[in-house]
C-alpha atoms as a PDB file:
ATOM      1  CA  MET A   1      20.253-127.819  16.762  1.00  0.00           C
ATOM      2  CA  ASN A   2      23.127-128.296  19.139  1.00  0.00           C
ATOM      3  CA  GLU A   3      22.110-128.495  22.812  1.00  0.00           C
ATOM      4  CA  LYS A   4      24.666-125.810  23.602  1.00  0.00           C
ATOM      5  CA  ASN A   5      22.727-123.389  21.392  1.00  0.00           C
ATOM      6  CA  ILE A   6      19.408-123.850  23.183  1.00  0.00           C
ATOM      7  CA  LYS A   7      18.601-120.803  25.267  1.00  0.00           C
ATOM      8  CA  LEU A   8      16.746-121.599  28.466  1.00  0.00           C
ATOM      9  CA  LEU A   9      14.328-119.371  30.308  1.00  0.00           C
ATOM     10  CA  GLU A  10      15.912-117.512  33.176  1.00  0.00           C
ATOM     11  CA  ARG A  11      15.185-118.800  36.655  1.00  0.00           C
ATOM     12  CA  ASN A  12      13.633-115.491  37.730  1.00  0.00           C
ATOM     13  CA  VAL A  13      11.144-115.718  34.824  1.00  0.00           C
ATOM     14  CA  ILE A  14      10.100-119.201  35.919  1.00  0.00           C
ATOM     15  CA  GLU A  15       9.742-118.033  39.520  1.00  0.00           C
ATOM     16  CA  ALA A  16       7.617-115.079  38.363  1.00  0.00           C
ATOM     17  CA  ILE A  17       5.374-117.384  36.292  1.00  0.00           C
ATOM     18  CA  LYS A  18       4.820-119.514  39.386  1.00  0.00           C
ATOM     19  CA  GLU A  19       3.612-116.310  41.089  1.00  0.00           C
ATOM     20  CA  ASN A  20       1.194-115.637  38.180  1.00  0.00           C
ATOM     21  CA  ASN A  21       3.176-112.690  36.795  1.00  0.00           C
ATOM     22  CA  GLU A  22       1.608-111.843  33.425  1.00  0.00           C
ATOM     23  CA  THR A  23       4.773-110.242  32.007  1.00  0.00           C
ATOM     24  CA  ALA A  24       6.753-113.390  32.767  1.00  0.00           C
ATOM     25  CA  LEU A  25       4.024-115.523  31.240  1.00  0.00           C
ATOM     26  CA  ASN A  26       4.253-113.482  28.033  1.00  0.00           C
ATOM     27  CA  LYS A  27       8.027-114.075  28.026  1.00  0.00           C
ATOM     28  CA  LEU A  28       7.340-117.811  28.238  1.00  0.00           C
ATOM     29  CA  TYR A  29       5.010-117.661  25.241  1.00  0.00           C
ATOM     30  CA  LYS A  30       7.462-115.503  23.289  1.00  0.00           C
ATOM     31  CA  HIS A  31      10.268-117.948  24.090  1.00  0.00           C
ATOM     32  CA  TYR A  32       8.304-120.816  22.506  1.00  0.00           C
ATOM     33  CA  GLU A  33       6.549-118.729  19.826  1.00  0.00           C
ATOM     34  CA  LYS A  34       8.277-120.307  16.803  1.00  0.00           C
ATOM     35  CA  PHE A  35       7.504-123.816  18.032  1.00  0.00           C
ATOM     36  CA  ILE A  36       3.875-122.942  18.767  1.00  0.00           C
ATOM     37  CA  ILE A  37       3.338-121.317  15.366  1.00  0.00           C
ATOM     38  CA  ALA A  38       4.966-124.230  13.536  1.00  0.00           C
ATOM     39  CA  TYR A  39       2.944-126.813  15.447  1.00  0.00           C
ATOM     40  CA  CYS A  40      -0.370-124.974  14.974  1.00  0.00           C
ATOM     41  CA  THR A  41       0.020-124.155  11.279  1.00  0.00           C
ATOM     42  CA  LYS A  42      -1.134-126.785   8.818  1.00  0.00           C
ATOM     43  CA  MET A  43      -1.333-126.861   5.043  1.00  0.00           C
ATOM     44  CA  LYS A  44      -4.830-127.601   3.810  1.00  0.00           C
ATOM     45  CA  PHE A  45      -6.446-127.636   0.380  1.00  0.00           C
ATOM     46  CA  ASP A  46      -9.520-125.801  -0.826  1.00  0.00           C
ATOM     47  CA  GLU A  47     -12.264-127.345  -2.981  1.00  0.00           C
ATOM     48  CA  ASN A  48     -10.142-126.704  -6.112  1.00  0.00           C
ATOM     49  CA  GLY A  49      -7.105-128.446  -4.654  1.00  0.00           C
ATOM     50  CA  LYS A  50      -5.242-125.183  -4.099  1.00  0.00           C
ATOM     51  CA  PRO A  51      -3.086-125.271  -0.948  1.00  0.00           C
ATOM     52  CA  TYR A  52      -3.441-122.735   1.843  1.00  0.00           C
ATOM     53  CA  TYR A  53      -2.190-122.480   5.419  1.00  0.00           C
ATOM     54  CA  PHE A  54      -4.512-122.752   8.399  1.00  0.00           C
ATOM     55  CA  PHE A  55      -3.574-121.597  11.894  1.00  0.00           C
ATOM     56  CA  ASP A  56      -5.385-123.590  14.590  1.00  0.00           C
ATOM     57  CA  GLU A  57      -6.174-121.106  17.381  1.00  0.00           C
ATOM     58  CA  ASP A  58      -7.613-123.837  19.614  1.00  0.00           C
ATOM     59  CA  LYS A  59      -4.450-125.919  19.413  1.00  0.00           C
ATOM     60  CA  CYS A  60      -2.392-122.782  20.095  1.00  0.00           C
ATOM     61  CA  GLN A  61      -4.351-122.090  23.273  1.00  0.00           C
ATOM     62  CA  GLU A  62      -4.021-125.714  24.377  1.00  0.00           C
ATOM     63  CA  ILE A  63      -0.239-125.531  23.999  1.00  0.00           C
ATOM     64  CA  LYS A  64      -0.059-122.265  25.928  1.00  0.00           C
ATOM     65  CA  ASN A  65      -2.199-123.724  28.704  1.00  0.00           C
ATOM     66  CA  GLY A  66       0.016-126.823  28.806  1.00  0.00           C
ATOM     67  CA  LEU A  67       3.160-124.704  29.054  1.00  0.00           C
ATOM     68  CA  PHE A  68       1.680-122.677  31.894  1.00  0.00           C
ATOM     69  CA  ILE A  69       0.608-125.793  33.802  1.00  0.00           C
ATOM     70  CA  ALA A  70       3.999-127.456  33.274  1.00  0.00           C
ATOM     71  CA  VAL A  71       5.950-124.438  34.515  1.00  0.00           C
ATOM     72  CA  LYS A  72       3.669-124.083  37.553  1.00  0.00           C
ATOM     73  CA  LYS A  73       4.650-127.657  38.498  1.00  0.00           C
ATOM     74  CA  PHE A  74       8.410-126.920  38.380  1.00  0.00           C
ATOM     75  CA  LYS A  75      10.162-127.421  41.685  1.00  0.00           C
ATOM     76  CA  ILE A  76      12.788-124.755  42.207  1.00  0.00           C
END
Protein backbone atom coordinates (compact mmCIF):
# COMPACT_ATOMS: atom_id res chain seq x y z
CA MET A 1 0.00 0.00 0.00
CA ASN A 2 1.29 3.40 -0.95
CA GLU A 3 1.71 5.80 1.98
CA LYS A 4 -0.33 8.38 0.09
CA ASN A 5 -3.32 6.01 0.19
CA ILE A 6 -3.30 5.58 3.96
CA LYS A 7 -6.19 7.45 5.52
CA LEU A 8 -5.40 8.89 8.93
CA LEU A 9 -7.83 9.53 11.74
CA GLU A 10 -9.01 13.10 11.90
CA ARG A 11 -7.49 15.28 14.60
CA ASN A 12 -10.89 15.99 16.16
CA VAL A 13 -11.48 12.22 16.57
CA ILE A 14 -8.16 11.84 18.37
CA GLU A 15 -8.96 14.82 20.60
CA ALA A 16 -12.38 13.32 21.40
CA ILE A 17 -10.80 9.95 22.28
CA LYS A 18 -8.47 11.74 24.69
CA GLU A 19 -11.63 13.12 26.34
CA ASN A 20 -13.09 9.57 26.60
CA ASN A 21 -15.74 10.11 23.91
CA GLU A 22 -17.25 6.69 23.20
CA THR A 23 -18.36 7.57 19.66
CA ALA A 24 -14.83 8.63 18.77
CA LEU A 25 -13.45 5.47 20.33
CA ASN A 26 -15.76 3.40 18.13
CA LYS A 27 -14.46 5.32 15.10
CA LEU A 28 -10.92 4.36 16.13
CA TYR A 29 -11.86 0.69 16.32
CA LYS A 30 -13.71 0.86 13.00
CA HIS A 31 -10.70 2.55 11.39
CA TYR A 32 -8.46 -0.39 12.37
CA GLU A 33 -11.14 -3.11 12.09
CA LYS A 34 -9.62 -4.95 9.10
CA PHE A 35 -6.20 -5.08 10.77
CA ILE A 36 -7.67 -6.27 14.07
CA ILE A 37 -9.74 -9.01 12.42
CA ALA A 38 -6.80 -10.21 10.32
CA TYR A 39 -4.45 -10.27 13.31
CA CYS A 40 -6.93 -12.08 15.57
CA THR A 41 -8.08 -14.72 13.08
CA LYS A 42 -6.02 -17.88 12.87
CA MET A 43 -6.41 -21.08 10.90
CA LYS A 44 -6.50 -24.13 13.12
CA PHE A 45 -7.17 -27.81 12.50
CA ASP A 46 -9.69 -30.09 14.15
CA GLU A 47 -8.95 -33.65 15.32
CA ASN A 48 -9.53 -34.92 11.74
CA GLY A 49 -7.08 -32.44 10.25
CA LYS A 50 -9.84 -30.31 8.74
CA PRO A 51 -8.98 -26.59 8.78
CA TYR A 52 -11.20 -24.00 10.41
CA TYR A 53 -10.80 -20.35 11.40
CA PHE A 54 -10.64 -19.24 15.01
CA PHE A 55 -11.19 -15.65 16.12
CA ASP A 56 -9.29 -14.84 19.33
CA GLU A 57 -11.54 -12.49 21.32
CA ASP A 58 -8.90 -12.00 24.02
CA LYS A 59 -6.29 -10.87 21.52
CA CYS A 60 -8.87 -8.56 19.93
CA GLN A 61 -9.56 -6.90 23.27
CA GLU A 62 -5.84 -6.55 23.97
CA ILE A 63 -5.34 -4.77 20.65
CA LYS A 64 -8.27 -2.44 21.29
CA ASN A 65 -6.94 -1.63 24.75
CA GLY A 66 -3.48 -0.97 23.29
CA LEU A 67 -4.91 1.36 20.66
CA PHE A 68 -6.85 3.29 23.30
CA ILE A 69 -3.80 3.63 25.55
CA ALA A 70 -1.59 4.70 22.64
CA VAL A 71 -4.01 7.38 21.46
CA LYS A 72 -4.45 8.69 25.02
CA LYS A 73 -0.67 9.27 25.09
CA PHE A 74 -0.68 11.37 21.88
CA LYS A 75 0.52 14.91 22.37
CA ILE A 76 -1.51 17.30 20.27
